[in-house]
Protein backbone atom coordinates (compact mmCIF):
# COMPACT_ATOMS: atom_id res chain seq x y z
CA MET A 1 26.40 -34.54 -42.65
CA GLN A 2 27.87 -37.68 -41.01
CA ARG A 3 31.32 -35.50 -40.91
CA LEU A 4 29.44 -32.70 -38.92
CA LEU A 5 28.19 -35.62 -36.58
CA TRP A 6 31.25 -37.14 -35.85
CA PHE A 7 32.79 -33.43 -35.08
CA ILE A 8 29.96 -33.00 -32.61
CA VAL A 9 30.69 -36.06 -31.20
CA PHE A 10 34.48 -35.33 -30.64
CA ILE A 11 34.10 -31.84 -29.31
CA VAL A 12 31.44 -33.29 -26.99
CA ALA A 13 33.89 -35.88 -25.84
CA LEU A 14 36.62 -33.33 -25.71
CA ASN A 15 34.82 -31.06 -23.58
CA THR A 16 33.97 -34.17 -21.44
CA VAL A 17 37.70 -34.96 -20.85
CA CYS A 18 38.72 -31.56 -20.55
CA ALA A 19 36.09 -31.05 -17.67
CA GLN A 20 37.18 -34.18 -15.77
CA GLN A 21 40.93 -32.66 -15.67
CA LYS A 22 39.78 -30.04 -12.92
CA ILE A 23 39.35 -29.93 -9.12
CA PRO A 24 35.72 -31.41 -8.66
CA PRO A 25 33.38 -28.74 -7.37
CA PHE A 26 32.78 -30.84 -4.21
CA ARG A 27 31.48 -29.93 -0.90
CA MET A 28 31.88 -31.77 2.28
CA ALA A 29 30.46 -31.72 6.07
CA LEU A 30 33.29 -31.12 8.45
CA SER A 31 33.30 -32.56 11.85
CA ASP A 32 32.00 -29.71 13.48
CA GLY A 33 29.16 -29.56 11.21
CA ASN A 34 30.19 -26.82 8.66
CA LEU A 35 30.22 -27.27 5.13
CA PHE A 36 33.45 -26.87 3.12
CA HIS A 37 33.40 -25.90 -0.51
CA ALA A 38 36.28 -26.96 -2.97
CA SER A 39 36.33 -23.17 -3.97
CA SER A 40 37.36 -22.41 -0.45
CA LEU A 41 40.46 -24.29 -1.00
CA PRO A 42 43.46 -22.07 -1.23
CA MET A 43 44.44 -20.56 -4.73
CA GLY A 44 47.77 -21.01 -6.42
CA LYS A 45 48.99 -24.04 -4.76
CA PRO A 46 48.66 -27.97 -5.42
CA VAL A 47 45.72 -29.81 -4.42
CA ILE A 48 45.65 -33.74 -3.54
CA VAL A 49 42.26 -35.03 -2.95
CA ILE A 50 42.35 -38.30 -1.00
CA TYR A 51 39.06 -40.43 -1.37
CA PHE A 52 39.02 -42.91 1.59
CA SER A 53 37.12 -44.83 4.14
CA PRO A 54 38.79 -44.75 7.74
CA GLU A 55 37.32 -48.74 7.94
CA CYS A 56 39.34 -49.53 4.98
CA ASP A 57 42.38 -51.70 5.44
CA HIS A 58 44.40 -50.17 2.56
CA CYS A 59 43.62 -46.77 3.66
CA GLN A 60 44.61 -47.26 7.08
CA VAL A 61 47.83 -48.27 5.93
CA LEU A 62 48.24 -45.32 3.64
CA MET A 63 47.03 -43.06 6.27
CA LYS A 64 49.98 -44.45 8.80
CA GLU A 65 52.47 -44.02 5.99
CA TRP A 66 51.02 -40.42 4.73
CA PHE A 67 50.93 -38.85 8.32
CA LYS A 68 54.95 -40.32 8.93
CA ARG A 69 55.61 -38.38 5.88
CA SER A 70 53.45 -35.26 6.05
CA GLY A 71 56.03 -32.92 5.71
CA ASP A 72 56.33 -34.31 2.08
CA PHE A 73 52.90 -32.96 1.14
CA ARG A 74 53.11 -29.49 3.26
CA LYS A 75 53.27 -27.54 -0.08
CA ALA A 76 49.70 -28.81 -1.17
CA SER A 77 46.19 -28.38 0.19
CA VAL A 78 44.90 -31.87 0.93
CA ALA A 79 40.93 -32.68 0.79
CA MET A 80 40.62 -35.96 2.66
CA ILE A 81 37.14 -36.93 1.57
CA THR A 82 34.93 -40.13 2.87
CA PHE A 83 31.12 -41.17 2.38
CA LEU A 84 30.71 -42.28 6.08
CA PRO A 85 28.80 -39.99 8.73
CA LEU A 86 30.42 -37.54 10.38
CA ALA A 87 30.96 -39.61 13.54
CA ASN A 88 33.78 -41.73 11.47
CA VAL A 89 35.36 -38.50 10.29
CA ALA A 90 35.69 -37.14 14.00
CA LEU A 91 37.28 -40.36 15.23
CA PHE A 92 39.56 -40.33 12.18
CA GLU A 93 40.78 -36.69 12.69
CA LYS A 94 41.01 -37.75 16.31
CA GLU A 95 43.25 -40.95 15.72
CA PHE A 96 45.52 -39.10 13.23
CA LYS A 97 45.61 -35.68 14.56
CA THR A 98 44.59 -34.10 11.28
CA LYS A 99 43.93 -30.66 12.91
CA GLN A 100 47.19 -30.44 13.78
CA HIS A 101 47.96 -29.88 9.83
CA SER A 102 46.76 -26.57 8.51
CA ASN A 103 46.81 -27.94 4.98
CA ILE A 104 44.58 -30.91 5.42
CA ILE A 105 40.68 -30.63 5.38
CA THR A 106 38.83 -33.82 6.50
CA GLY A 107 35.15 -34.42 5.99
CA THR A 108 32.27 -36.27 4.24
CA GLU A 109 30.58 -36.13 1.10
CA GLY A 110 27.67 -38.13 2.34
CA THR A 111 25.87 -40.83 0.34
CA GLY A 112 25.49 -38.30 -2.77
CA PHE A 113 29.01 -40.05 -3.95
CA PHE A 114 29.70 -36.93 -6.18
CA VAL A 115 33.45 -36.91 -5.75
CA ARG A 116 33.59 -40.74 -6.28
CA ASN A 117 31.44 -40.62 -9.33
CA TYR A 118 33.40 -37.50 -10.58
CA TYR A 119 36.92 -39.54 -10.51
CA LYS A 120 35.25 -42.84 -11.22
CA VAL A 121 36.66 -44.29 -8.18
CA MET A 122 36.80 -48.34 -8.28
CA ASP A 123 39.39 -48.75 -5.07
CA MET A 124 40.10 -46.96 -2.19
CA PRO A 125 42.08 -45.31 -1.03
CA PHE A 126 42.26 -42.98 -4.26
CA VAL A 127 44.65 -40.16 -4.46
CA ALA A 128 44.15 -37.19 -7.21
CA LEU A 129 46.97 -34.69 -7.64
CA HIS A 130 46.05 -31.23 -9.13
CA ASP A 131 48.49 -28.38 -9.89
CA LYS A 132 47.98 -24.99 -8.87
CA ASN A 133 45.78 -23.95 -11.82
CA GLY A 134 43.32 -27.22 -10.69
CA ASN A 135 44.42 -29.53 -13.50
CA LEU A 136 44.73 -33.02 -13.05
CA VAL A 137 48.55 -34.09 -12.81
CA SER A 138 48.02 -37.83 -11.98
CA THR A 139 45.82 -40.18 -10.17
CA TYR A 140 46.34 -43.55 -7.83
CA SER A 141 44.12 -46.07 -6.24
CA LYS A 142 44.65 -48.94 -3.88
CA ASP A 143 48.37 -49.17 -3.36
CA ILE A 144 49.56 -45.43 -3.22
CA PRO A 145 53.14 -44.78 -4.16
CA LEU A 146 53.88 -41.89 -1.77
CA ASN A 147 57.69 -41.88 -2.87
CA THR A 148 56.37 -41.05 -6.70
CA LEU A 149 53.37 -38.77 -5.43
CA ALA A 150 56.09 -36.59 -3.34
CA ALA A 151 58.22 -36.64 -6.20
CA LYS A 152 55.23 -35.33 -8.46
CA LEU A 153 54.40 -32.89 -5.96
CA ARG A 154 57.99 -31.43 -5.83
CA GLN A 155 57.99 -31.01 -9.76
CA LEU A 156 55.05 -28.96 -9.85
CA LYS A 157 55.89 -25.06 -9.68
């Protein structure tokens, strides 16, 4: 009986780990008021999820460096997600001209914190790289090594 209990615990734990290895089924409000769902991301290409706050100093540093190197990440769909209101999203989009990058979607998940809880985000910015099948490849937080991220993205087929 005890072996059966341990087996059940193992299967539940394995399912939990496997379930967290995919792109979360998030939704976010865009600055134009429309909703965007993770299922709307283009299939068959890597996905980078960036969880950030436009007001965070580390996030500002990342964004400035990111947009200097945006060509390194053109191969991926990029979902930039914050929890702040739409007004903050609109200001961020204007400052960093995100709409000029067809592979970047920027929005807010609001205060539901689904994405934040899914990835167990403790520090921002947070970046998750997923392969073309939605499998989690790597995560980074706070000081994001863009060289490493770009290299891992290039390795994905």
